[in-house]
C-alpha atoms as a PDB file:
ATOM      1  CA  TYR A   1     107.632  75.223  99.695  1.00  0.00           C
ATOM      2  CA  HIS A   2     107.736  72.929 102.711  1.00  0.00           C
ATOM      3  CA  ALA A   3     111.516  72.639 102.579  1.00  0.00           C
ATOM      4  CA  MET A   4     112.044  76.313 101.789  1.00  0.00           C
ATOM      5  CA  LEU A   5     109.874  77.492 104.687  1.00  0.00           C
ATOM      6  CA  ASP A   6     111.418  74.973 107.059  1.00  0.00           C
ATOM      7  CA  SER A   7     114.885  76.285 106.120  1.00  0.00           C
ATOM      8  CA  ILE A   8     113.846  79.899 106.659  1.00  0.00           C
ATOM      9  CA  ILE A   9     112.248  79.067 110.009  1.00  0.00           C
ATOM     10  CA  GLU A  10     115.363  77.171 111.108  1.00  0.00           C
ATOM     11  CA  MET A  11     117.799  79.892 110.003  1.00  0.00           C
ATOM     12  CA  MET A  12     115.712  82.800 111.327  1.00  0.00           C
ATOM     13  CA  PRO A  13     113.442  81.478 114.083  1.00  0.00           C
ATOM     14  CA  ASP A  14     112.458  84.943 115.337  1.00  0.00           C
ATOM     15  CA  THR A  15     111.407  86.224 111.916  1.00  0.00           C
ATOM     16  CA  VAL A  16     107.777  87.021 111.183  1.00  0.00           C
ATOM     17  CA  ILE A  17     106.943  85.148 107.991  1.00  0.00           C
ATOM     18  CA  TYR A  18     104.036  85.843 105.677  1.00  0.00           C
ATOM     19  CA  VAL A  19     102.904  83.497 102.954  1.00  0.00           C
ATOM     20  CA  LEU A  20     101.163  85.360 100.123  1.00  0.00           C
ATOM     21  CA  SER A  21      99.019  83.619  97.549  1.00  0.00           C
ATOM     22  CA  PRO A  22      99.999  84.454  93.975  1.00  0.00           C
ATOM     23  CA  PRO A  23      97.479  86.078  91.659  1.00  0.00           C
ATOM     24  CA  PRO A  24      96.164  84.087  88.705  1.00  0.00           C
ATOM     25  CA  MET A  25      96.508  85.027  85.041  1.00  0.00           C
ATOM     26  CA  THR A  26      93.803  86.393  82.759  1.00  0.00           C
ATOM     27  CA  ALA A  27      91.755  83.944  80.687  1.00  0.00           C
ATOM     28  CA  ARG A  28      93.713  84.953  77.589  1.00  0.00           C
ATOM     29  CA  ALA A  29      97.059  84.326  79.301  1.00  0.00           C
ATOM     30  CA  PHE A  30      95.900  80.923  80.594  1.00  0.00           C
ATOM     31  CA  SER A  31      94.952  79.962  77.028  1.00  0.00           C
ATOM     32  CA  LYS A  32      98.552  80.548  75.890  1.00  0.00           C
ATOM     33  CA  VAL A  33     100.238  78.213  78.375  1.00  0.00           C
ATOM     34  CA  SER A  34     100.003  74.489  78.927  1.00  0.00           C
ATOM     35  CA  GLY A  35      99.622  73.063  82.394  1.00  0.00           C
ATOM     36  CA  PRO A  36      98.331  75.828  84.646  1.00  0.00           C
ATOM     37  CA  ASN A  37      94.608  76.411  84.786  1.00  0.00           C
ATOM     38  CA  PRO A  38      92.285  78.195  87.226  1.00  0.00           C
ATOM     39  CA  LYS A  39      91.516  74.991  89.147  1.00  0.00           C
ATOM     40  CA  ARG A  40      95.217  74.208  89.624  1.00  0.00           C
ATOM     41  CA  TYR A  41      95.838  77.787  90.758  1.00  0.00           C
ATOM     42  CA  ALA A  42      93.005  77.518  93.289  1.00  0.00           C
ATOM     43  CA  ASN A  43      94.400  74.202  94.550  1.00  0.00           C
ATOM     44  CA  PHE A  44      97.868  75.738  94.809  1.00  0.00           C
ATOM     45  CA  GLU A  45      96.442  78.672  96.763  1.00  0.00           C
ATOM     46  CA  GLU A  46      94.735  76.276  99.171  1.00  0.00           C
ATOM     47  CA  GLY A  47      97.957  74.289  99.536  1.00  0.00           C
ATOM     48  CA  LEU A  48      99.871  77.426 100.482  1.00  0.00           C
ATOM     49  CA  ARG A  49      97.191  78.261 103.043  1.00  0.00           C
ATOM     50  CA  GLN A  50      97.567  74.796 104.601  1.00  0.00           C
ATOM     51  CA  ILE A  51     101.361  74.995 104.671  1.00  0.00           C
ATOM     52  CA  ALA A  52     101.182  78.363 106.439  1.00  0.00           C
ATOM     53  CA  GLN A  53      98.625  77.064 108.915  1.00  0.00           C
ATOM     54  CA  GLU A  54     100.656  73.921 109.684  1.00  0.00           C
ATOM     55  CA  ARG A  55     103.690  76.045 110.518  1.00  0.00           C
ATOM     56  CA  GLY A  56     101.853  78.803 112.367  1.00  0.00           C
ATOM     57  CA  LEU A  57     102.735  81.406 109.737  1.00  0.00           C
ATOM     58  CA  TYR A  58     100.680  84.362 108.617  1.00  0.00           C
ATOM     59  CA  TYR A  59      98.791  83.915 105.378  1.00  0.00           C
ATOM     60  CA  ILE A  60      97.460  86.709 103.184  1.00  0.00           C
ATOM     61  CA  ASP A  61      95.056  85.695 100.437  1.00  0.00           C
ATOM     62  CA  LEU A  62      95.741  87.956  97.471  1.00  0.00           C
ATOM     63  CA  TYR A  63      94.408  85.403  94.981  1.00  0.00           C
ATOM     64  CA  HIS A  64      90.747  85.932  95.852  1.00  0.00           C
ATOM     65  CA  MET A  65      91.166  89.696  95.863  1.00  0.00           C
ATOM     66  CA  VAL A  66      92.034  89.762  92.160  1.00  0.00           C
ATOM     67  CA  ALA A  67      90.390  86.616  90.749  1.00  0.00           C
ATOM     68  CA  ASP A  68      87.008  86.687  89.049  1.00  0.00           C
ATOM     69  CA  GLU A  69      84.275  84.099  89.650  1.00  0.00           C
ATOM     70  CA  LYS A  70      85.946  81.683  87.194  1.00  0.00           C
ATOM     71  CA  GLY A  71      89.383  81.982  88.795  1.00  0.00           C
ATOM     72  CA  TYR A  72      90.970  84.258  86.212  1.00  0.00           C
ATOM     73  CA  LEU A  73      92.773  87.510  86.941  1.00  0.00           C
ATOM     74  CA  ARG A  74      90.261  90.293  86.482  1.00  0.00           C
ATOM     75  CA  ARG A  75      91.107  92.184  83.311  1.00  0.00           C
ATOM     76  CA  ASP A  76      90.653  95.545  85.041  1.00  0.00           C
ATOM     77  CA  MET A  77      93.416  94.566  87.484  1.00  0.00           C
ATOM     78  CA  ALA A  78      95.846  93.175  84.936  1.00  0.00           C
ATOM     79  CA  ALA A  79      98.720  94.781  83.122  1.00  0.00           C
ATOM     80  CA  GLY A  80      98.571  94.477  79.347  1.00  0.00           C
ATOM     81  CA  ASP A  81     100.290  91.077  79.228  1.00  0.00           C
ATOM     82  CA  GLY A  82      97.715  89.197  81.319  1.00  0.00           C
ATOM     83  CA  TYR A  83     100.363  87.794  83.645  1.00  0.00           C
ATOM     84  CA  HIS A  84     101.235  90.819  85.735  1.00  0.00           C
ATOM     85  CA  LEU A  85      99.163  93.161  87.851  1.00  0.00           C
ATOM     86  CA  SER A  86      98.577  96.746  86.851  1.00  0.00           C
ATOM     87  CA  GLN A  87     100.484  99.394  88.762  1.00  0.00           C
ATOM     88  CA  GLU A  88      97.283 100.489  90.506  1.00  0.00           C
ATOM     89  CA  THR A  89      96.424  96.925  91.566  1.00  0.00           C
ATOM     90  CA  SER A  90      99.984  96.303  92.756  1.00  0.00           C
ATOM     91  CA  GLN A  91      99.834  99.438  94.896  1.00  0.00           C
ATOM     92  CA  ALA A  92      96.409  98.500  96.289  1.00  0.00           C
ATOM     93  CA  LEU A  93      97.680  95.048  97.265  1.00  0.00           C
ATOM     94  CA  ALA A  94     100.831  96.537  98.818  1.00  0.00           C
ATOM     95  CA  ASP A  95      98.652  98.874 100.873  1.00  0.00           C
ATOM     96  CA  TYR A  96      96.441  95.944 101.887  1.00  0.00           C
ATOM     97  CA  ILE A  97      99.459  93.947 103.025  1.00  0.00           C
ATOM     98  CA  LYS A  98     100.766  96.902 105.041  1.00  0.00           C
ATOM     99  CA  THR A  99      97.436  97.348 106.824  1.00  0.00           C
ATOM    100  CA  HIS A 100      97.043  93.625 107.534  1.00  0.00           C
ATOM    101  CA  ALA A 101     100.536  92.910 108.813  1.00  0.00           C
ATOM    102  CA  VAL A 102     101.006  92.373 112.507  1.00  0.00           C
ATOM    103  CA  PRO A 103     103.009  95.033 114.324  1.00  0.00           C
ATOM    104  CA  TYR A 104     106.578  93.882 114.927  1.00  0.00           C
ATOM    105  CA  GLY A 105     109.320  95.665 116.800  1.00  0.00           C
ATOM    106  CA  ASN A 106     109.428  99.416 117.187  1.00  0.00           C
ATOM    107  CA  PRO A 107     107.225 101.466 114.860  1.00  0.00           C
END
C-alpha cells in the first residue's frame, strides 16, 4: 500500500485520494479461511489509517460501521456468502462516503 499510494501521488499529485478501510467477514466466513482473523483485520484497518495520515490523505473508516463488537461483519449487513455486503449496506456506505467527501472542483 505504501508503494501503490506513493505511485498514485507521484503520477497524479493534484488528485484527492481517499483510503477506505475494508469491511470484515462474518464469523462463519472467517471460520472457513486460514490466516485472516478479526484481530488481523483490525490491525490492517489501523495500518491503513496510519498510512493515510502519514501521507495527508483522507481516511474513511467503513470497518467500524459494519463490524460487531467482536470484529466480525454484522450478519444483518452481510450478503448470503458472509464475505460481501448486502445491497442495502453497500448503498448506505456509498451514501455515507458521498456525504463525507470533501468538495472538489465545480459541483
